[in-house]
Amino acid sequence: MEFDLAGIGNALMDALVVVPDDTLIDDLGLTRGTMHPVEDAQWQSVYAKVRHLDVVLHSGGSCANTVATAGRLGARAIYRGQVGDDELGRQYGASLENSCGGHALRVTTEAATGKCLSLISQRDAERTMLTDLGAAVSLPDLGEFERALSSCRIAHFEGYTLLDGPMCDMILEAMALAKSSGALVSLDAADPFVTATIPERFRKACVDHADIVFLNADEARAVGGVDDPVAACRKVSEECGIAHVAVKLGARGSVVAHDGQLVEIPVFEVDAVDTTGAGDAYAGGYLVGLSKGWSVDRAGRLASQVAALTVSQMGAVVHDAQALSQALTSA
């Protein structure tokens, strides 16, 4: 196989900033701890209110974070998305090159690079996001990325791309292509907004294509149709016929349903700085473990450690090579 992991998703530049309290969030009428779709003008307006603070820029988007994490862990990983022909787009490509050694980005002159402003609470590291999708959601085709999907061990996708829009049909075709080529297909719901908005479409994608599914507690409840996220984990695995269903439970750790068994994964406690991308990092660690042929519990331990490292820093991708190496060794 040419790649351990190939992923396709919405390419968004993350702008991360710690806010001292919830005053700005309240003044803007935002719902704390959730993602808010906005147009470029509104995004720029809010960004202007916080740019005097220490804003940190990183390549982002759920799938991109997972692929970059895998690359940082030493996997042969590649990512496909679309950015604008602008400075943010160039920074985005450079960031992926640093993590994975290259990328399969498409550059367009028809829209600006998509971006996500994360307002991170100084009190508890909760993030409230404003997202301008920009060029990210108009990727017209797979292009030469078909080769990567046909020659990878695992193909990874994010739930956002299944929402109504021009990319949905292409993503479903990409899932089918990867599966027919012998790859494991991985799908991360990425946000409760997805499972609440398109529950039937998301579930059908799981049934038709997915071998690995990542959910948080709210997403598991929505897909499984039961209140207990652990019971929902088992139910989704059995009813949808999915080999690996991982449900992240926050401070309780996580649980993975596999081959009729539930495997409990412990949490690694750290002082939280920024929760942005913790679930994406978890997926990256888990998929790297699977690509190495590790057991579910060992892959889960790596996933949990990498997620903890992510929460203890600013940004969704861990850049501390020594810490990542130690996580690989100790998992």
Protein backbone atom coordinates (compact mmCIF):
# COMPACT_ATOMS: atom_id res chain seq x y z
CA MET A 1 0.00 0.00 0.00
CA GLU A 2 1.30 3.46 -0.92
CA PHE A 3 -0.32 5.15 2.11
CA ASP A 4 -1.32 4.09 5.60
CA LEU A 5 -4.00 6.78 5.70
CA ALA A 6 -5.65 8.91 3.02
CA GLY A 7 -8.25 11.50 4.00
CA ILE A 8 -10.53 13.99 2.30
CA GLY A 9 -12.47 16.79 3.97
CA ASN A 10 -13.14 20.49 4.41
CA ALA A 11 -9.83 22.36 4.53
CA LEU A 12 -10.16 25.12 7.11
CA MET A 13 -7.50 27.35 8.63
CA ASP A 14 -7.94 27.43 12.40
CA ALA A 15 -7.55 30.77 14.18
CA LEU A 16 -7.27 30.05 17.90
CA VAL A 17 -7.57 32.69 20.59
CA VAL A 18 -8.06 32.49 24.35
CA VAL A 19 -10.75 34.85 25.66
CA PRO A 20 -10.74 35.90 29.33
CA ASP A 21 -14.48 35.40 29.86
CA ASP A 22 -17.77 34.84 28.02
CA THR A 23 -18.56 38.53 27.50
CA LEU A 24 -17.85 38.51 23.76
CA ILE A 25 -19.69 35.23 23.25
CA ASP A 26 -22.74 36.59 25.07
CA ASP A 27 -22.61 39.93 23.24
CA LEU A 28 -22.55 38.13 19.89
CA GLY A 29 -25.47 35.90 20.86
CA LEU A 30 -23.44 32.72 20.34
CA THR A 31 -24.13 29.37 21.96
CA ARG A 32 -21.14 28.50 24.10
CA GLY A 33 -19.28 25.34 23.10
CA THR A 34 -20.81 24.91 19.63
CA MET A 35 -19.96 25.62 15.99
CA HIS A 36 -21.69 28.52 14.20
CA PRO A 37 -21.67 28.71 10.37
CA VAL A 38 -21.06 32.32 9.27
CA GLU A 39 -20.28 34.30 6.13
CA ASP A 40 -16.89 35.88 5.52
CA ALA A 41 -18.04 39.37 6.55
CA GLN A 42 -19.26 38.22 9.97
CA TRP A 43 -16.14 36.13 10.49
CA GLN A 44 -13.91 39.09 9.70
CA SER A 45 -15.95 41.31 12.02
CA VAL A 46 -15.52 39.00 15.00
CA TYR A 47 -11.88 38.35 14.13
CA ALA A 48 -11.26 42.11 14.23
CA LYS A 49 -12.53 42.15 17.83
CA VAL A 50 -9.97 39.56 19.00
CA ARG A 51 -6.98 40.04 16.71
CA HIS A 52 -5.25 42.19 19.35
CA LEU A 53 -5.04 39.05 21.49
CA ASP A 54 -2.54 36.28 20.77
CA VAL A 55 -4.21 34.58 17.79
CA VAL A 56 -2.55 31.31 16.71
CA LEU A 57 -3.04 29.95 13.16
CA HIS A 58 -2.97 26.23 12.33
CA SER A 59 -4.24 24.11 9.44
CA GLY A 60 -7.55 22.60 10.51
CA GLY A 61 -10.71 20.78 9.59
CA SER A 62 -11.59 17.51 11.31
CA CYS A 63 -10.18 15.12 8.72
CA ALA A 64 -7.09 17.24 8.11
CA ASN A 65 -6.32 17.25 11.84
CA THR A 66 -6.58 13.47 11.94
CA VAL A 67 -4.37 13.01 8.87
CA ALA A 68 -1.78 15.50 10.16
CA THR A 69 -1.72 13.70 13.51
CA ALA A 70 -1.11 10.40 11.74
CA GLY A 71 1.71 11.98 9.76
CA ARG A 72 3.28 13.33 12.96
CA LEU A 73 3.11 9.80 14.39
CA GLY A 74 5.16 8.52 11.46
CA ALA A 75 2.38 7.14 9.25
CA ARG A 76 2.42 7.59 5.48
CA ALA A 77 -0.51 10.00 5.31
CA ILE A 78 -2.00 12.29 2.67
CA TYR A 79 -4.88 14.75 2.62
CA ARG A 80 -7.17 16.14 -0.08
CA GLY A 81 -9.12 19.37 0.30
CA GLN A 82 -9.51 22.74 -1.39
CA VAL A 83 -8.04 26.10 -0.39
CA GLY A 84 -8.06 29.55 -1.94
CA ASP A 85 -5.18 31.08 -3.86
CA ASP A 86 -4.29 33.30 -0.91
CA GLU A 87 -1.88 33.59 2.01
CA LEU A 88 -4.00 31.42 4.31
CA GLY A 89 -4.10 28.74 1.62
CA ARG A 90 -0.32 28.80 1.27
CA GLN A 91 0.12 28.59 5.03
CA TYR A 92 -2.30 25.67 5.09
CA GLY A 93 -0.29 23.73 2.51
CA ALA A 94 2.98 24.42 4.32
CA SER A 95 1.50 23.13 7.58
CA LEU A 96 0.43 19.85 5.96
CA GLU A 97 3.85 19.46 4.37
CA ASN A 98 5.44 19.82 7.79
CA SER A 99 3.20 17.09 9.20
CA CYS A 100 2.93 14.65 6.29
CA GLY A 101 5.75 15.52 3.89
CA GLY A 102 3.26 16.59 1.21
CA HIS A 103 -0.41 16.98 0.39
CA ALA A 104 -3.02 16.67 -2.38
CA LEU A 105 -4.68 20.08 -1.94
CA ARG A 106 -6.52 21.74 -4.81
CA VAL A 107 -6.07 25.51 -5.09
CA THR A 108 -8.85 27.68 -6.52
CA THR A 109 -9.05 31.35 -7.44
CA GLU A 110 -12.86 31.36 -7.13
CA ALA A 111 -13.13 31.49 -3.32
CA ALA A 112 -11.09 32.36 -0.26
CA THR A 113 -9.60 29.72 2.01
CA GLY A 114 -12.12 28.49 4.58
CA LYS A 115 -11.45 29.39 8.18
CA CYS A 116 -12.61 28.62 11.70
CA LEU A 117 -12.25 31.08 14.58
CA SER A 118 -12.13 29.25 17.92
CA LEU A 119 -12.88 31.38 20.97
CA ILE A 120 -11.29 29.36 23.78
CA SER A 121 -12.47 29.94 27.33
CA GLN A 122 -9.68 30.78 29.74
CA ARG A 123 -11.83 29.26 32.51
CA ASP A 124 -12.30 25.70 31.22
CA ALA A 125 -10.78 25.51 27.69
CA GLU A 126 -14.23 25.12 26.08
CA ARG A 127 -14.28 26.41 22.52
CA THR A 128 -16.96 28.30 20.66
CA MET A 129 -16.41 28.31 16.91
CA LEU A 130 -17.34 30.56 14.00
CA THR A 131 -16.78 28.87 10.66
CA ASP A 132 -16.66 30.40 7.19
CA LEU A 133 -16.40 27.42 4.86
CA GLY A 134 -15.18 29.44 1.84
CA ALA A 135 -13.41 27.29 -0.75
CA ALA A 136 -13.54 24.19 1.44
CA VAL A 137 -17.00 23.00 0.37
CA SER A 138 -16.69 23.39 -3.40
CA LEU A 139 -14.04 20.77 -4.15
CA PRO A 140 -15.25 19.65 -7.60
CA ASP A 141 -13.68 16.21 -7.94
CA LEU A 142 -11.18 13.71 -6.55
CA GLY A 143 -8.66 14.30 -9.32
CA GLU A 144 -5.48 12.26 -8.91
CA PHE A 145 -6.50 11.52 -5.33
CA GLU A 146 -8.33 8.49 -6.70
CA ARG A 147 -4.93 6.81 -6.78
CA ALA A 148 -4.37 7.48 -3.07
CA LEU A 149 -7.80 6.09 -2.18
CA SER A 150 -7.05 3.01 -4.27
CA SER A 151 -3.71 2.40 -2.56
CA CYS A 152 -4.22 3.10 1.14
CA ARG A 153 -4.79 0.90 4.16
CA ILE A 154 -7.38 3.24 5.67
CA ALA A 155 -9.47 5.99 4.02
CA HIS A 156 -10.78 8.58 6.47
CA PHE A 157 -13.74 10.95 6.07
CA GLU A 158 -15.54 13.57 8.18
CA GLY A 159 -19.27 13.94 8.73
CA TYR A 160 -19.32 17.59 7.66
CA THR A 161 -18.80 16.55 4.02
CA LEU A 162 -22.06 14.56 4.08
CA LEU A 163 -24.13 17.67 4.74
CA ASP A 164 -26.16 19.16 1.89
CA GLY A 165 -23.75 20.59 -0.66
CA PRO A 166 -21.74 19.83 -3.77
CA MET A 167 -19.29 17.46 -2.04
CA CYS A 168 -21.70 14.90 -0.59
CA ASP A 169 -22.10 12.68 -3.67
CA MET A 170 -18.37 12.80 -4.38
CA ILE A 171 -17.56 11.74 -0.81
CA LEU A 172 -19.93 8.78 -1.02
CA GLU A 173 -18.27 7.77 -4.30
CA ALA A 174 -14.84 8.13 -2.65
CA MET A 175 -15.95 5.87 0.20
CA ALA A 176 -17.16 3.26 -2.27
CA LEU A 177 -13.93 3.48 -4.27
CA ALA A 178 -11.74 3.03 -1.20
CA LYS A 179 -13.80 0.09 0.06
CA SER A 180 -13.79 -1.65 -3.32
CA SER A 181 -10.00 -1.24 -3.41
CA GLY A 182 -9.59 -3.07 -0.12
CA ALA A 183 -9.15 -0.14 2.27
CA LEU A 184 -10.83 0.15 5.63
CA VAL A 185 -13.25 3.10 5.54
CA SER A 186 -13.24 5.38 8.58
CA LEU A 187 -15.89 8.01 9.32
CA ASP A 188 -15.84 10.61 12.10
CA ALA A 189 -19.15 12.35 12.78
CA ALA A 190 -17.02 15.37 13.81
CA ASP A 191 -19.87 17.38 15.38
CA PRO A 192 -23.32 16.71 16.92
CA PHE A 193 -24.62 19.21 14.35
CA VAL A 194 -24.01 16.54 11.70
CA THR A 195 -25.89 13.70 13.38
CA ALA A 196 -28.72 16.05 14.34
CA THR A 197 -29.09 17.49 10.83
CA ILE A 198 -28.68 14.40 8.63
CA PRO A 199 -29.25 11.40 10.94
CA GLU A 200 -30.57 9.07 8.24
CA ARG A 201 -27.90 9.98 5.69
CA PHE A 202 -25.12 9.60 8.23
CA ARG A 203 -26.43 6.23 9.39
CA LYS A 204 -26.77 5.00 5.80
CA ALA A 205 -23.15 5.99 5.08
CA CYS A 206 -22.14 3.97 8.13
CA VAL A 207 -24.11 0.93 7.00
CA ASP A 208 -23.05 1.10 3.35
CA HIS A 209 -19.39 1.96 3.71
CA ALA A 210 -17.88 2.33 7.18
CA ASP A 211 -15.60 -0.14 8.95
CA ILE A 212 -14.60 2.37 11.64
CA VAL A 213 -16.80 5.10 13.14
CA PHE A 214 -15.86 7.76 15.69
CA LEU A 215 -18.57 9.43 17.80
CA ASN A 216 -18.79 11.51 20.94
CA ALA A 217 -21.50 10.85 23.53
CA ASP A 218 -24.09 13.16 21.95
CA GLU A 219 -23.46 11.78 18.47
CA ALA A 220 -23.71 8.20 19.76
CA ARG A 221 -27.08 8.96 21.36
CA ALA A 222 -28.33 10.44 18.09
CA VAL A 223 -27.17 7.55 15.92
CA GLY A 224 -27.95 4.77 18.41
CA GLY A 225 -31.29 6.18 19.54
CA VAL A 226 -30.66 5.49 23.25
CA ASP A 227 -29.62 7.80 26.09
CA ASP A 228 -26.72 5.75 27.42
CA PRO A 229 -23.74 6.42 25.09
CA VAL A 230 -22.10 3.10 26.01
CA ALA A 231 -25.24 1.18 25.10
CA ALA A 232 -25.46 3.30 21.96
CA CYS A 233 -21.90 2.30 21.06
CA ARG A 234 -22.81 -1.38 21.14
CA LYS A 235 -26.10 -0.80 19.33
CA VAL A 236 -24.53 1.17 16.48
CA SER A 237 -21.88 -1.52 16.00
CA GLU A 238 -24.39 -4.37 15.94
CA GLU A 239 -27.19 -2.75 13.94
CA CYS A 240 -24.95 -1.05 11.37
CA GLY A 241 -22.48 -3.93 11.09
CA ILE A 242 -19.43 -1.77 11.84
CA ALA A 243 -16.22 -3.50 12.96
CA HIS A 244 -14.98 -0.61 15.14
CA VAL A 245 -17.22 1.95 16.85
CA ALA A 246 -15.35 4.29 19.17
CA VAL A 247 -17.32 6.58 21.48
CA LYS A 248 -15.44 9.34 23.32
CA LEU A 249 -16.80 10.02 26.81
CA GLY A 250 -14.72 13.02 27.89
CA ALA A 251 -13.34 12.62 31.41
CA ARG A 252 -14.64 9.02 31.47
CA GLY A 253 -12.27 7.99 28.69
CA SER A 254 -13.72 6.12 25.74
CA VAL A 255 -15.22 2.79 24.75
CA VAL A 256 -14.81 0.78 21.56
CA ALA A 257 -17.25 -1.85 20.32
CA HIS A 258 -15.41 -4.53 18.33
CA ASP A 259 -16.36 -8.11 17.46
CA GLY A 260 -19.24 -8.07 19.92
CA GLN A 261 -17.05 -6.88 22.78
CA LEU A 262 -16.82 -3.52 24.54
CA VAL A 263 -13.28 -2.36 25.24
CA GLU A 264 -12.89 0.42 27.80
CA ILE A 265 -10.06 2.90 27.14
CA PRO A 266 -8.78 4.97 30.09
CA VAL A 267 -8.39 8.72 29.95
CA PHE A 268 -4.96 10.31 30.43
CA GLU A 269 -5.48 13.31 32.67
CA VAL A 270 -3.80 16.62 31.83
CA ASP A 271 -4.37 20.29 32.56
CA ALA A 272 -6.67 21.41 29.76
CA VAL A 273 -5.52 24.38 27.68
CA ASP A 274 -7.51 23.98 24.46
CA THR A 275 -9.98 21.21 23.60
CA THR A 276 -9.91 22.04 19.86
CA GLY A 277 -9.40 18.89 17.81
CA ALA A 278 -9.10 16.43 20.71
CA GLY A 279 -11.47 14.02 18.98
CA ASP A 280 -9.59 14.39 15.69
CA ALA A 281 -6.32 13.58 17.47
CA TYR A 282 -7.96 10.56 19.09
CA ALA A 283 -8.98 9.28 15.65
CA GLY A 284 -5.46 9.85 14.32
CA GLY A 285 -3.90 7.82 17.10
CA TYR A 286 -6.43 5.02 16.79
CA LEU A 287 -6.05 4.74 13.02
CA VAL A 288 -2.26 4.69 13.26
CA GLY A 289 -2.54 1.85 15.75
CA LEU A 290 -4.86 -0.10 13.44
CA SER A 291 -2.54 0.50 10.46
CA LYS A 292 0.22 -1.16 12.50
CA GLY A 293 -1.98 -4.17 13.22
CA TRP A 294 -2.32 -3.36 16.92
CA SER A 295 -5.09 -4.69 19.15
CA VAL A 296 -8.09 -2.48 19.88
CA ASP A 297 -7.02 -1.73 23.44
CA ARG A 298 -3.47 -0.79 22.40
CA ALA A 299 -4.70 1.43 19.55
CA GLY A 300 -7.15 2.99 22.00
CA ARG A 301 -4.42 3.75 24.51
CA LEU A 302 -2.41 5.53 21.83
CA ALA A 303 -5.53 7.45 20.78
CA SER A 304 -6.23 8.51 24.36
CA GLN A 305 -2.63 9.62 24.96
CA VAL A 306 -2.49 11.68 21.77
CA ALA A 307 -5.84 13.31 22.58
CA ALA A 308 -4.50 14.23 26.03
CA LEU A 309 -1.38 15.78 24.49
CA THR A 310 -3.61 17.83 22.19
CA VAL A 311 -5.77 19.15 25.04
CA SER A 312 -2.64 20.24 26.95
CA GLN A 313 -1.57 22.68 24.19
CA MET A 314 -2.94 25.27 21.78
CA GLY A 315 -3.98 23.77 18.44
CA ALA A 316 -5.41 20.49 17.20
CA VAL A 317 -2.17 18.83 16.06
CA VAL A 318 0.65 17.91 18.45
CA HIS A 319 4.02 19.11 17.17
CA ASP A 320 6.13 17.77 20.05
CA ALA A 321 7.95 14.90 18.34
CA GLN A 322 9.43 13.57 21.57
CA ALA A 323 6.02 13.43 23.30
CA LEU A 324 4.50 11.62 20.31
CA SER A 325 7.39 9.14 20.24
CA GLN A 326 6.89 8.43 23.93
CA ALA A 327 3.16 7.88 23.33
CA LEU A 328 3.93 5.34 20.61
CA THR A 329 6.39 3.53 22.85
CA SER A 330 4.19 3.41 25.93
CA ALA A 331 0.88 2.50 24.25
